[in-house]
PDB file of N, CA and C in Angstrom:
ATOM      1  N   MET A   1     -31.856  29.709  30.426  1.00  0.00           N
ATOM      2  CA  MET A   1     -32.398  28.438  30.027  1.00  0.00           C
ATOM      3  C   MET A   1     -32.003  28.081  28.590  1.00  0.00           C
ATOM      4  N   THR A   2     -31.760  29.059  27.748  1.00  0.00           N
ATOM      5  CA  THR A   2     -31.394  28.821  26.360  1.00  0.00           C
ATOM      6  C   THR A   2     -30.039  28.112  26.272  1.00  0.00           C
ATOM      7  N   TRP A   3     -29.123  28.426  27.166  1.00  0.00           N
ATOM      8  CA  TRP A   3     -27.810  27.803  27.116  1.00  0.00           C
ATOM      9  C   TRP A   3     -27.884  26.305  27.331  1.00  0.00           C
ATOM     10  N   ARG A   4     -28.914  25.825  28.031  1.00  0.00           N
ATOM     11  CA  ARG A   4     -29.075  24.389  28.263  1.00  0.00           C
ATOM     12  C   ARG A   4     -29.409  23.654  26.961  1.00  0.00           C
ATOM     13  N   ILE A   5     -30.009  24.337  26.020  1.00  0.00           N
ATOM     14  CA  ILE A   5     -30.338  23.739  24.723  1.00  0.00           C
ATOM     15  C   ILE A   5     -29.178  23.928  23.756  1.00  0.00           C
ATOM     16  N   VAL A   6     -28.589  25.089  23.772  1.00  0.00           N
ATOM     17  CA  VAL A   6     -27.517  25.408  22.837  1.00  0.00           C
ATOM     18  C   VAL A   6     -26.274  24.569  23.117  1.00  0.00           C
ATOM     19  N   THR A   7     -25.901  24.389  24.355  1.00  0.00           N
ATOM     20  CA  THR A   7     -24.682  23.657  24.702  1.00  0.00           C
ATOM     21  C   THR A   7     -24.715  22.215  24.191  1.00  0.00           C
ATOM     22  N   PRO A   8     -25.793  21.458  24.422  1.00  0.00           N
ATOM     23  CA  PRO A   8     -25.807  20.097  23.879  1.00  0.00           C
ATOM     24  C   PRO A   8     -25.788  20.082  22.347  1.00  0.00           C
ATOM     25  N   LEU A   9     -26.460  21.039  21.710  1.00  0.00           N
ATOM     26  CA  LEU A   9     -26.447  21.092  20.254  1.00  0.00           C
ATOM     27  C   LEU A   9     -25.053  21.416  19.734  1.00  0.00           C
ATOM     28  N   ALA A  10     -24.374  22.316  20.380  1.00  0.00           N
ATOM     29  CA  ALA A  10     -23.011  22.658  19.980  1.00  0.00           C
ATOM     30  C   ALA A  10     -22.083  21.456  20.175  1.00  0.00           C
ATOM     31  N   LEU A  11     -22.278  20.740  21.262  1.00  0.00           N
ATOM     32  CA  LEU A  11     -21.467  19.558  21.521  1.00  0.00           C
ATOM     33  C   LEU A  11     -21.709  18.491  20.453  1.00  0.00           C
ATOM     34  N   LEU A  12     -22.949  18.266  20.098  1.00  0.00           N
ATOM     35  CA  LEU A  12     -23.270  17.293  19.052  1.00  0.00           C
ATOM     36  C   LEU A  12     -22.676  17.706  17.710  1.00  0.00           C
ATOM     37  N   ALA A  13     -22.750  18.982  17.379  1.00  0.00           N
ATOM     38  CA  ALA A  13     -22.177  19.467  16.119  1.00  0.00           C
ATOM     39  C   ALA A  13     -20.663  19.267  16.113  1.00  0.00           C
ATOM     40  N   ALA A  14     -20.016  19.550  17.219  1.00  0.00           N
ATOM     41  CA  ALA A  14     -18.561  19.372  17.300  1.00  0.00           C
ATOM     42  C   ALA A  14     -18.180  17.901  17.169  1.00  0.00           C
ATOM     43  N   LEU A  15     -18.944  17.027  17.807  1.00  0.00           N
ATOM     44  CA  LEU A  15     -18.670  15.592  17.692  1.00  0.00           C
ATOM     45  C   LEU A  15     -18.868  15.106  16.264  1.00  0.00           C
ATOM     46  N   ALA A  16     -19.904  15.591  15.594  1.00  0.00           N
ATOM     47  CA  ALA A  16     -20.162  15.185  14.215  1.00  0.00           C
ATOM     48  C   ALA A  16     -19.029  15.634  13.295  1.00  0.00           C
ATOM     49  N   MET A  17     -18.542  16.856  13.485  1.00  0.00           N
ATOM     50  CA  MET A  17     -17.438  17.343  12.661  1.00  0.00           C
ATOM     51  C   MET A  17     -16.165  16.552  12.924  1.00  0.00           C
ATOM     52  N   THR A  18     -15.905  16.201  14.173  1.00  0.00           N
ATOM     53  CA  THR A  18     -14.721  15.410  14.519  1.00  0.00           C
ATOM     54  C   THR A  18     -14.810  14.027  13.902  1.00  0.00           C
ATOM     55  N   ALA A  19     -15.988  13.405  13.965  1.00  0.00           N
ATOM     56  CA  ALA A  19     -16.159  12.072  13.385  1.00  0.00           C
ATOM     57  C   ALA A  19     -15.964  12.113  11.871  1.00  0.00           C
ATOM     58  N   ALA A  20     -16.473  13.133  11.220  1.00  0.00           N
ATOM     59  CA  ALA A  20     -16.310  13.258   9.767  1.00  0.00           C
ATOM     60  C   ALA A  20     -14.843  13.461   9.404  1.00  0.00           C
ATOM     61  N   ALA A  21     -14.147  14.279  10.160  1.00  0.00           N
ATOM     62  CA  ALA A  21     -12.727  14.519   9.895  1.00  0.00           C
ATOM     63  C   ALA A  21     -11.913  13.254  10.119  1.00  0.00           C
ATOM     64  N   THR A  22     -12.237  12.504  11.165  1.00  0.00           N
ATOM     65  CA  THR A  22     -11.525  11.257  11.442  1.00  0.00           C
ATOM     66  C   THR A  22     -11.761  10.245  10.332  1.00  0.00           C
ATOM     67  N   ALA A  23     -12.984  10.155   9.833  1.00  0.00           N
ATOM     68  CA  ALA A  23     -13.295   9.214   8.754  1.00  0.00           C
ATOM     69  C   ALA A  23     -12.484   9.543   7.505  1.00  0.00           C
ATOM     70  N   GLN A  24     -12.316  10.827   7.209  1.00  0.00           N
ATOM     71  CA  GLN A  24     -11.539  11.222   6.041  1.00  0.00           C
ATOM     72  C   GLN A  24     -10.051  10.928   6.239  1.00  0.00           C
ATOM     73  N   GLU A  25      -9.563  11.099   7.443  1.00  0.00           N
ATOM     74  CA  GLU A  25      -8.148  10.895   7.739  1.00  0.00           C
ATOM     75  C   GLU A  25      -7.768   9.423   7.723  1.00  0.00           C
ATOM     76  N   THR A  26      -8.709   8.534   7.978  1.00  0.00           N
ATOM     77  CA  THR A  26      -8.386   7.121   8.089  1.00  0.00           C
ATOM     78  C   THR A  26      -8.672   6.344   6.811  1.00  0.00           C
ATOM     79  N   ALA A  27      -8.790   7.028   5.695  1.00  0.00           N
ATOM     80  CA  ALA A  27      -8.970   6.322   4.433  1.00  0.00           C
ATOM     81  C   ALA A  27      -7.738   5.454   4.199  1.00  0.00           C
ATOM     82  N   PRO A  28      -7.948   4.215   3.754  1.00  0.00           N
ATOM     83  CA  PRO A  28      -6.793   3.340   3.568  1.00  0.00           C
ATOM     84  C   PRO A  28      -5.873   3.862   2.473  1.00  0.00           C
ATOM     85  N   PRO A  29      -4.578   3.639   2.624  1.00  0.00           N
ATOM     86  CA  PRO A  29      -3.642   4.098   1.601  1.00  0.00           C
ATOM     87  C   PRO A  29      -3.844   3.320   0.303  1.00  0.00           C
ATOM     88  N   SER A  30      -3.496   3.939  -0.798  1.00  0.00           N
ATOM     89  CA  SER A  30      -3.627   3.291  -2.108  1.00  0.00           C
ATOM     90  C   SER A  30      -2.511   2.259  -2.277  1.00  0.00           C
ATOM     91  N   GLY A  31      -2.676   1.414  -3.293  1.00  0.00           N
ATOM     92  CA  GLY A  31      -1.640   0.442  -3.598  1.00  0.00           C
ATOM     93  C   GLY A  31      -0.310   1.099  -3.919  1.00  0.00           C
ATOM     94  N   GLN A  32      -0.368   2.217  -4.621  1.00  0.00           N
ATOM     95  CA  GLN A  32       0.860   2.939  -4.949  1.00  0.00           C
ATOM     96  C   GLN A  32       1.530   3.468  -3.678  1.00  0.00           C
ATOM     97  N   GLU A  33       0.734   4.033  -2.769  1.00  0.00           N
ATOM     98  CA  GLU A  33       1.303   4.539  -1.521  1.00  0.00           C
ATOM     99  C   GLU A  33       1.906   3.404  -0.702  1.00  0.00           C
ATOM    100  N   LEU A  34       1.206   2.278  -0.637  1.00  0.00           N
ATOM    101  CA  LEU A  34       1.725   1.129   0.099  1.00  0.00           C
ATOM    102  C   LEU A  34       3.014   0.602  -0.530  1.00  0.00           C
ATOM    103  N   PHE A  35       3.053   0.563  -1.872  1.00  0.00           N
ATOM    104  CA  PHE A  35       4.273   0.127  -2.547  1.00  0.00           C
ATOM    105  C   PHE A  35       5.431   1.045  -2.156  1.00  0.00           C
ATOM    106  N   GLN A  36       5.208   2.348  -2.187  1.00  0.00           N
ATOM    107  CA  GLN A  36       6.273   3.291  -1.830  1.00  0.00           C
ATOM    108  C   GLN A  36       6.718   3.101  -0.384  1.00  0.00           C
ATOM    109  N   GLN A  37       5.775   2.849   0.507  1.00  0.00           N
ATOM    110  CA  GLN A  37       6.098   2.688   1.925  1.00  0.00           C
ATOM    111  C   GLN A  37       6.792   1.364   2.222  1.00  0.00           C
ATOM    112  N   ARG A  38       6.335   0.292   1.603  1.00  0.00           N
ATOM    113  CA  ARG A  38       6.745  -1.049   2.002  1.00  0.00           C
ATOM    114  C   ARG A  38       7.735  -1.730   1.066  1.00  0.00           C
ATOM    115  N   CYS A  39       7.743  -1.355  -0.222  1.00  0.00           N
ATOM    116  CA  CYS A  39       8.487  -2.135  -1.214  1.00  0.00           C
ATOM    117  C   CYS A  39       9.582  -1.359  -1.942  1.00  0.00           C
ATOM    118  N   ALA A  40       9.392  -0.069  -2.109  1.00  0.00           N
ATOM    119  CA  ALA A  40      10.262   0.719  -2.989  1.00  0.00           C
ATOM    120  C   ALA A  40      11.706   0.786  -2.520  1.00  0.00           C
ATOM    121  N   ALA A  41      11.959   0.638  -1.244  1.00  0.00           N
ATOM    122  CA  ALA A  41      13.349   0.685  -0.774  1.00  0.00           C
ATOM    123  C   ALA A  41      14.194  -0.375  -1.472  1.00  0.00           C
ATOM    124  N   CYS A  42      13.613  -1.529  -1.718  1.00  0.00           N
ATOM    125  CA  CYS A  42      14.330  -2.606  -2.422  1.00  0.00           C
ATOM    126  C   CYS A  42      13.951  -2.689  -3.893  1.00  0.00           C
ATOM    127  N   HIS A  43      12.670  -2.469  -4.200  1.00  0.00           N
ATOM    128  CA  HIS A  43      12.162  -2.707  -5.550  1.00  0.00           C
ATOM    129  C   HIS A  43      11.889  -1.443  -6.354  1.00  0.00           C
ATOM    130  N   GLY A  44      12.312  -0.284  -5.850  1.00  0.00           N
ATOM    131  CA  GLY A  44      12.198   0.963  -6.599  1.00  0.00           C
ATOM    132  C   GLY A  44      13.365   1.119  -7.561  1.00  0.00           C
ATOM    133  N   GLU A  45      13.428   2.249  -8.223  1.00  0.00           N
ATOM    134  CA  GLU A  45      14.468   2.501  -9.237  1.00  0.00           C
ATOM    135  C   GLU A  45      15.885   2.271  -8.729  1.00  0.00           C
ATOM    136  N   GLN A  46      16.179   2.665  -7.502  1.00  0.00           N
ATOM    137  CA  GLN A  46      17.538   2.565  -6.967  1.00  0.00           C
ATOM    138  C   GLN A  46      17.724   1.401  -5.994  1.00  0.00           C
ATOM    139  N   GLY A  47      16.734   0.540  -5.872  1.00  0.00           N
ATOM    140  CA  GLY A  47      16.800  -0.547  -4.902  1.00  0.00           C
ATOM    141  C   GLY A  47      17.758  -1.659  -5.291  1.00  0.00           C
ATOM    142  N   TRP A  48      18.292  -2.341  -4.289  1.00  0.00           N
ATOM    143  CA  TRP A  48      19.225  -3.433  -4.572  1.00  0.00           C
ATOM    144  C   TRP A  48      18.522  -4.580  -5.274  1.00  0.00           C
ATOM    145  N   ALA A  49      17.268  -4.852  -4.944  1.00  0.00           N
ATOM    146  CA  ALA A  49      16.531  -5.935  -5.607  1.00  0.00           C
ATOM    147  C   ALA A  49      16.299  -5.602  -7.083  1.00  0.00           C
ATOM    148  N   THR A  50      16.150  -4.333  -7.389  1.00  0.00           N
ATOM    149  CA  THR A  50      15.994  -3.916  -8.784  1.00  0.00           C
ATOM    150  C   THR A  50      17.252  -4.260  -9.576  1.00  0.00           C
ATOM    151  N   ARG A  51      18.396  -4.030  -8.976  1.00  0.00           N
ATOM    152  CA  ARG A  51      19.653  -4.361  -9.662  1.00  0.00           C
ATOM    153  C   ARG A  51      19.786  -5.870  -9.863  1.00  0.00           C
ATOM    154  N   VAL A  52      19.353  -6.650  -8.883  1.00  0.00           N
ATOM    155  CA  VAL A  52      19.409  -8.106  -9.015  1.00  0.00           C
ATOM    156  C   VAL A  52      18.439  -8.569 -10.100  1.00  0.00           C
ATOM    157  N   LEU A  53      17.210  -8.058 -10.072  1.00  0.00           N
ATOM    158  CA  LEU A  53      16.206  -8.455 -11.069  1.00  0.00           C
ATOM    159  C   LEU A  53      16.574  -7.995 -12.469  1.00  0.00           C
ATOM    160  N   ALA A  54      17.279  -6.902 -12.572  1.00  0.00           N
ATOM    161  CA  ALA A  54      17.657  -6.374 -13.887  1.00  0.00           C
ATOM    162  C   ALA A  54      18.486  -7.385 -14.679  1.00  0.00           C
ATOM    163  N   ARG A  55      19.167  -8.289 -13.984  1.00  0.00           N
ATOM    164  CA  ARG A  55      19.952  -9.320 -14.661  1.00  0.00           C
ATOM    165  C   ARG A  55      19.088 -10.467 -15.179  1.00  0.00           C
ATOM    166  N   ARG A  56      17.821 -10.521 -14.733  1.00  0.00           N
ATOM    167  CA  ARG A  56      16.971 -11.675 -15.050  1.00  0.00           C
ATOM    168  C   ARG A  56      15.755 -11.351 -15.902  1.00  0.00           C
ATOM    169  N   VAL A  57      15.445 -10.093 -16.060  1.00  0.00           N
ATOM    170  CA  VAL A  57      14.232  -9.695 -16.786  1.00  0.00           C
ATOM    171  C   VAL A  57      14.619  -8.811 -17.969  1.00  0.00           C
ATOM    172  N   PRO A  58      13.666  -8.547 -18.875  1.00  0.00           N
ATOM    173  CA  PRO A  58      13.992  -7.679 -20.020  1.00  0.00           C
ATOM    174  C   PRO A  58      14.542  -6.316 -19.568  1.00  0.00           C
ATOM    175  N   ALA A  59      15.356  -5.736 -20.418  1.00  0.00           N
ATOM    176  CA  ALA A  59      15.998  -4.456 -20.113  1.00  0.00           C
ATOM    177  C   ALA A  59      14.976  -3.402 -19.698  1.00  0.00           C
ATOM    178  N   GLY A  60      15.313  -2.663 -18.652  1.00  0.00           N
ATOM    179  CA  GLY A  60      14.468  -1.578 -18.177  1.00  0.00           C
ATOM    180  C   GLY A  60      13.320  -2.012 -17.284  1.00  0.00           C
ATOM    181  N   GLN A  61      13.218  -3.306 -16.969  1.00  0.00           N
ATOM    182  CA  GLN A  61      12.087  -3.785 -16.170  1.00  0.00           C
ATOM    183  C   GLN A  61      12.506  -4.356 -14.817  1.00  0.00           C
ATOM    184  N   GLY A  62      13.676  -3.997 -14.366  1.00  0.00           N
ATOM    185  CA  GLY A  62      14.121  -4.468 -13.062  1.00  0.00           C
ATOM    186  C   GLY A  62      13.275  -3.916 -11.924  1.00  0.00           C
ATOM    187  N   ALA A  63      12.913  -2.645 -12.028  1.00  0.00           N
ATOM    188  CA  ALA A  63      12.032  -2.040 -11.018  1.00  0.00           C
ATOM    189  C   ALA A  63      10.620  -2.574 -11.231  1.00  0.00           C
ATOM    190  N   LEU A  64       9.985  -3.034 -10.173  1.00  0.00           N
ATOM    191  CA  LEU A  64       8.667  -3.655 -10.320  1.00  0.00           C
ATOM    192  C   LEU A  64       7.646  -2.729 -10.962  1.00  0.00           C
ATOM    193  N   GLU A  65       7.745  -1.445 -10.710  1.00  0.00           N
ATOM    194  CA  GLU A  65       6.789  -0.500 -11.300  1.00  0.00           C
ATOM    195  C   GLU A  65       6.993  -0.345 -12.808  1.00  0.00           C
ATOM    196  N   ASN A  66       8.098  -0.808 -13.331  1.00  0.00           N
ATOM    197  CA  ASN A  66       8.369  -0.693 -14.763  1.00  0.00           C
ATOM    198  C   ASN A  66       8.028  -1.959 -15.537  1.00  0.00           C
ATOM    199  N   ARG A  67       7.589  -2.993 -14.862  1.00  0.00           N
ATOM    200  CA  ARG A  67       7.334  -4.270 -15.524  1.00  0.00           C
ATOM    201  C   ARG A  67       6.145  -4.169 -16.467  1.00  0.00           C
ATOM    202  N   ASP A  68       6.281  -4.766 -17.641  1.00  0.00           N
ATOM    203  CA  ASP A  68       5.178  -4.813 -18.606  1.00  0.00           C
ATOM    204  C   ASP A  68       4.090  -5.773 -18.148  1.00  0.00           C
ATOM    205  N   LEU A  69       4.487  -6.868 -17.552  1.00  0.00           N
ATOM    206  CA  LEU A  69       3.535  -7.883 -17.122  1.00  0.00           C
ATOM    207  C   LEU A  69       3.964  -8.382 -15.752  1.00  0.00           C
ATOM    208  N   LEU A  70       3.129  -8.143 -14.764  1.00  0.00           N
ATOM    209  CA  LEU A  70       3.408  -8.607 -13.415  1.00  0.00           C
ATOM    210  C   LEU A  70       2.084  -9.005 -12.772  1.00  0.00           C
ATOM    211  N   PRO A  71       1.679 -10.264 -12.954  1.00  0.00           N
ATOM    212  CA  PRO A  71       0.388 -10.699 -12.417  1.00  0.00           C
ATOM    213  C   PRO A  71       0.306 -10.559 -10.905  1.00  0.00           C
ATOM    214  N   ALA A  72      -0.838 -10.130 -10.438  1.00  0.00           N
ATOM    215  CA  ALA A  72      -1.055  -9.954  -9.000  1.00  0.00           C
ATOM    216  C   ALA A  72      -0.837 -11.266  -8.259  1.00  0.00           C
ATOM    217  N   ALA A  73      -1.231 -12.371  -8.856  1.00  0.00           N
ATOM    218  CA  ALA A  73      -1.055 -13.671  -8.203  1.00  0.00           C
ATOM    219  C   ALA A  73       0.431 -13.970  -7.966  1.00  0.00           C
ATOM    220  N   LEU A  74       1.293 -13.604  -8.909  1.00  0.00           N
ATOM    221  CA  LEU A  74       2.728 -13.807  -8.746  1.00  0.00           C
ATOM    222  C   LEU A  74       3.271 -12.930  -7.622  1.00  0.00           C
ATOM    223  N   VAL A  75       2.815 -11.699  -7.563  1.00  0.00           N
ATOM    224  CA  VAL A  75       3.264 -10.789  -6.492  1.00  0.00           C
ATOM    225  C   VAL A  75       2.879 -11.367  -5.134  1.00  0.00           C
ATOM    226  N   ARG A  76       1.622 -11.784  -4.994  1.00  0.00           N
ATOM    227  CA  ARG A  76       1.161 -12.340  -3.712  1.00  0.00           C
ATOM    228  C   ARG A  76       1.966 -13.589  -3.335  1.00  0.00           C
ATOM    229  N   LEU A  77       2.199 -14.466  -4.294  1.00  0.00           N
ATOM    230  CA  LEU A  77       2.955 -15.688  -4.034  1.00  0.00           C
ATOM    231  C   LEU A  77       4.392 -15.374  -3.620  1.00  0.00           C
ATOM    232  N   ALA A  78       5.053 -14.485  -4.349  1.00  0.00           N
ATOM    233  CA  ALA A  78       6.439 -14.126  -4.033  1.00  0.00           C
ATOM    234  C   ALA A  78       6.541 -13.487  -2.660  1.00  0.00           C
ATOM    235  N   VAL A  79       5.570 -12.657  -2.317  1.00  0.00           N
ATOM    236  CA  VAL A  79       5.610 -11.977  -1.019  1.00  0.00           C
ATOM    237  C   VAL A  79       5.378 -12.964   0.115  1.00  0.00           C
ATOM    238  N   ARG A  80       4.399 -13.819  -0.003  1.00  0.00           N
ATOM    239  CA  ARG A  80       4.071 -14.735   1.097  1.00  0.00           C
ATOM    240  C   ARG A  80       5.057 -15.897   1.229  1.00  0.00           C
ATOM    241  N   ARG A  81       5.590 -16.384   0.128  1.00  0.00           N
ATOM    242  CA  ARG A  81       6.503 -17.536   0.194  1.00  0.00           C
ATOM    243  C   ARG A  81       7.968 -17.131   0.151  1.00  0.00           C
ATOM    244  N   GLY A  82       8.237 -15.930  -0.338  1.00  0.00           N
ATOM    245  CA  GLY A  82       9.612 -15.508  -0.545  1.00  0.00           C
ATOM    246  C   GLY A  82      10.093 -16.041  -1.883  1.00  0.00           C
ATOM    247  N   ILE A  83      11.086 -15.401  -2.444  1.00  0.00           N
ATOM    248  CA  ILE A  83      11.635 -15.839  -3.725  1.00  0.00           C
ATOM    249  C   ILE A  83      13.066 -15.327  -3.818  1.00  0.00           C
ATOM    250  N   GLY A  84      13.976 -16.186  -4.246  1.00  0.00           N
ATOM    251  CA  GLY A  84      15.380 -15.781  -4.312  1.00  0.00           C
ATOM    252  C   GLY A  84      15.864 -15.333  -2.946  1.00  0.00           C
ATOM    253  N   SER A  85      16.459 -14.159  -2.882  1.00  0.00           N
ATOM    254  CA  SER A  85      16.965 -13.654  -1.603  1.00  0.00           C
ATOM    255  C   SER A  85      15.910 -12.879  -0.811  1.00  0.00           C
ATOM    256  N   MET A  86      14.679 -12.787  -1.368  1.00  0.00           N
ATOM    257  CA  MET A  86      13.604 -12.100  -0.640  1.00  0.00           C
ATOM    258  C   MET A  86      12.940 -13.080   0.325  1.00  0.00           C
ATOM    259  N   PRO A  87      12.940 -12.741   1.609  1.00  0.00           N
ATOM    260  CA  PRO A  87      12.306 -13.637   2.582  1.00  0.00           C
ATOM    261  C   PRO A  87      10.779 -13.544   2.486  1.00  0.00           C
ATOM    262  N   PRO A  88      10.086 -14.548   2.984  1.00  0.00           N
ATOM    263  CA  PRO A  88       8.627 -14.448   3.019  1.00  0.00           C
ATOM    264  C   PRO A  88       8.187 -13.334   3.971  1.00  0.00           C
ATOM    265  N   ILE A  89       7.108 -12.657   3.607  1.00  0.00           N
ATOM    266  CA  ILE A  89       6.558 -11.581   4.441  1.00  0.00           C
ATOM    267  C   ILE A  89       5.260 -12.115   5.055  1.00  0.00           C
ATOM    268  N   ARG A  90       5.230 -12.179   6.367  1.00  0.00           N
ATOM    269  CA  ARG A  90       4.065 -12.737   7.078  1.00  0.00           C
ATOM    270  C   ARG A  90       2.905 -11.755   7.106  1.00  0.00           C
ATOM    271  N   ARG A  91       1.722 -12.306   7.360  1.00  0.00           N
ATOM    272  CA  ARG A  91       0.504 -11.484   7.460  1.00  0.00           C
ATOM    273  C   ARG A  91       0.588 -10.487   8.610  1.00  0.00           C
ATOM    274  N   THR A  92       1.378 -10.785   9.609  1.00  0.00           N
ATOM    275  CA  THR A  92       1.546  -9.847  10.720  1.00  0.00           C
ATOM    276  C   THR A  92       2.418  -8.660  10.325  1.00  0.00           C
ATOM    277  N   GLU A  93       3.188  -8.828   9.246  1.00  0.00           N
ATOM    278  CA  GLU A  93       4.048  -7.748   8.753  1.00  0.00           C
ATOM    279  C   GLU A  93       3.363  -6.934   7.655  1.00  0.00           C
ATOM    280  N   LEU A  94       2.531  -7.609   6.860  1.00  0.00           N
ATOM    281  CA  LEU A  94       1.812  -6.964   5.759  1.00  0.00           C
ATOM    282  C   LEU A  94       0.468  -7.676   5.629  1.00  0.00           C
ATOM    283  N   SER A  95      -0.606  -6.955   5.867  1.00  0.00           N
ATOM    284  CA  SER A  95      -1.928  -7.587   5.845  1.00  0.00           C
ATOM    285  C   SER A  95      -2.289  -8.066   4.442  1.00  0.00           C
ATOM    286  N   ASP A  96      -3.214  -9.009   4.386  1.00  0.00           N
ATOM    287  CA  ASP A  96      -3.698  -9.497   3.090  1.00  0.00           C
ATOM    288  C   ASP A  96      -4.305  -8.361   2.270  1.00  0.00           C
ATOM    289  N   ALA A  97      -5.015  -7.457   2.927  1.00  0.00           N
ATOM    290  CA  ALA A  97      -5.638  -6.336   2.214  1.00  0.00           C
ATOM    291  C   ALA A  97      -4.579  -5.407   1.622  1.00  0.00           C
ATOM    292  N   ASP A  98      -3.536  -5.111   2.387  1.00  0.00           N
ATOM    293  CA  ASP A  98      -2.463  -4.247   1.878  1.00  0.00           C
ATOM    294  C   ASP A  98      -1.705  -4.936   0.743  1.00  0.00           C
ATOM    295  N   LEU A  99      -1.456  -6.236   0.898  1.00  0.00           N
ATOM    296  CA  LEU A  99      -0.779  -6.979  -0.165  1.00  0.00           C
ATOM    297  C   LEU A  99      -1.626  -6.990  -1.432  1.00  0.00           C
ATOM    298  N   ALA A 100      -2.931  -7.186  -1.292  1.00  0.00           N
ATOM    299  CA  ALA A 100      -3.813  -7.180  -2.461  1.00  0.00           C
ATOM    300  C   ALA A 100      -3.780  -5.828  -3.158  1.00  0.00           C
ATOM    301  N   ALA A 101      -3.752  -4.746  -2.388  1.00  0.00           N
ATOM    302  CA  ALA A 101      -3.699  -3.401  -2.977  1.00  0.00           C
ATOM    303  C   ALA A 101      -2.392  -3.195  -3.743  1.00  0.00           C
ATOM    304  N   ILE A 102      -1.287  -3.646  -3.173  1.00  0.00           N
ATOM    305  CA  ILE A 102       0.012  -3.518  -3.846  1.00  0.00           C
ATOM    306  C   ILE A 102       0.030  -4.364  -5.112  1.00  0.00           C
ATOM    307  N   ALA A 103      -0.417  -5.608  -5.008  1.00  0.00           N
ATOM    308  CA  ALA A 103      -0.407  -6.523  -6.150  1.00  0.00           C
ATOM    309  C   ALA A 103      -1.274  -6.000  -7.289  1.00  0.00           C
ATOM    310  N   THR A 104      -2.443  -5.477  -6.951  1.00  0.00           N
ATOM    311  CA  THR A 104      -3.336  -4.912  -7.967  1.00  0.00           C
ATOM    312  C   THR A 104      -2.697  -3.692  -8.615  1.00  0.00           C
ATOM    313  N   TYR A 105      -2.087  -2.852  -7.814  1.00  0.00           N
ATOM    314  CA  TYR A 105      -1.393  -1.669  -8.346  1.00  0.00           C
ATOM    315  C   TYR A 105      -0.320  -2.082  -9.363  1.00  0.00           C
ATOM    316  N   LEU A 106       0.499  -3.054  -9.005  1.00  0.00           N
ATOM    317  CA  LEU A 106       1.575  -3.478  -9.899  1.00  0.00           C
ATOM    318  C   LEU A 106       1.048  -4.160 -11.153  1.00  0.00           C
ATOM    319  N   GLU A 107      -0.032  -4.903 -11.023  1.00  0.00           N
ATOM    320  CA  GLU A 107      -0.609  -5.591 -12.178  1.00  0.00           C
ATOM    321  C   GLU A 107      -1.270  -4.612 -13.149  1.00  0.00           C
ATOM    322  N   ASP A 108      -1.904  -3.590 -12.624  1.00  0.00           N
ATOM    323  CA  ASP A 108      -2.701  -2.673 -13.448  1.00  0.00           C
ATOM    324  C   ASP A 108      -1.922  -1.501 -14.022  1.00  0.00           C
ATOM    325  N   ARG A 109      -0.634  -1.439 -13.771  1.00  0.00           N
ATOM    326  CA  ARG A 109       0.147  -0.307 -14.310  1.00  0.00           C
ATOM    327  C   ARG A 109       0.174  -0.394 -15.825  1.00  0.00           C
ATOM    328  N   PRO A 110       0.058   0.773 -16.477  1.00  0.00           N
ATOM    329  CA  PRO A 110       0.085   0.767 -17.953  1.00  0.00           C
ATOM    330  C   PRO A 110       1.459   0.447 -18.518  1.00  0.00           C
TER     331      PRO A 110
END
């Protein structure tokens, strides 16, 4: 008769541990992580967009992560509308929340 009590308790404990582990695993990525995943191929140190921007901005600031001043509002506008040879990025390609995280990351860099 004891196994009838222990089994449901063990099952509940296992479910609780699984739910806690899943919650930790699904934490949203940081703005820096999103930038690396979504933007760095073009806008990182070796990106082609960095080389293009290097001709238009102060020396050493072609890579977006190196910019002294990059307002989040400008990042959001450039991403959604496109700018120069960069096409607009739709909400289905990059969510508003992910874009906000990237824009905040770029704006708040020291």
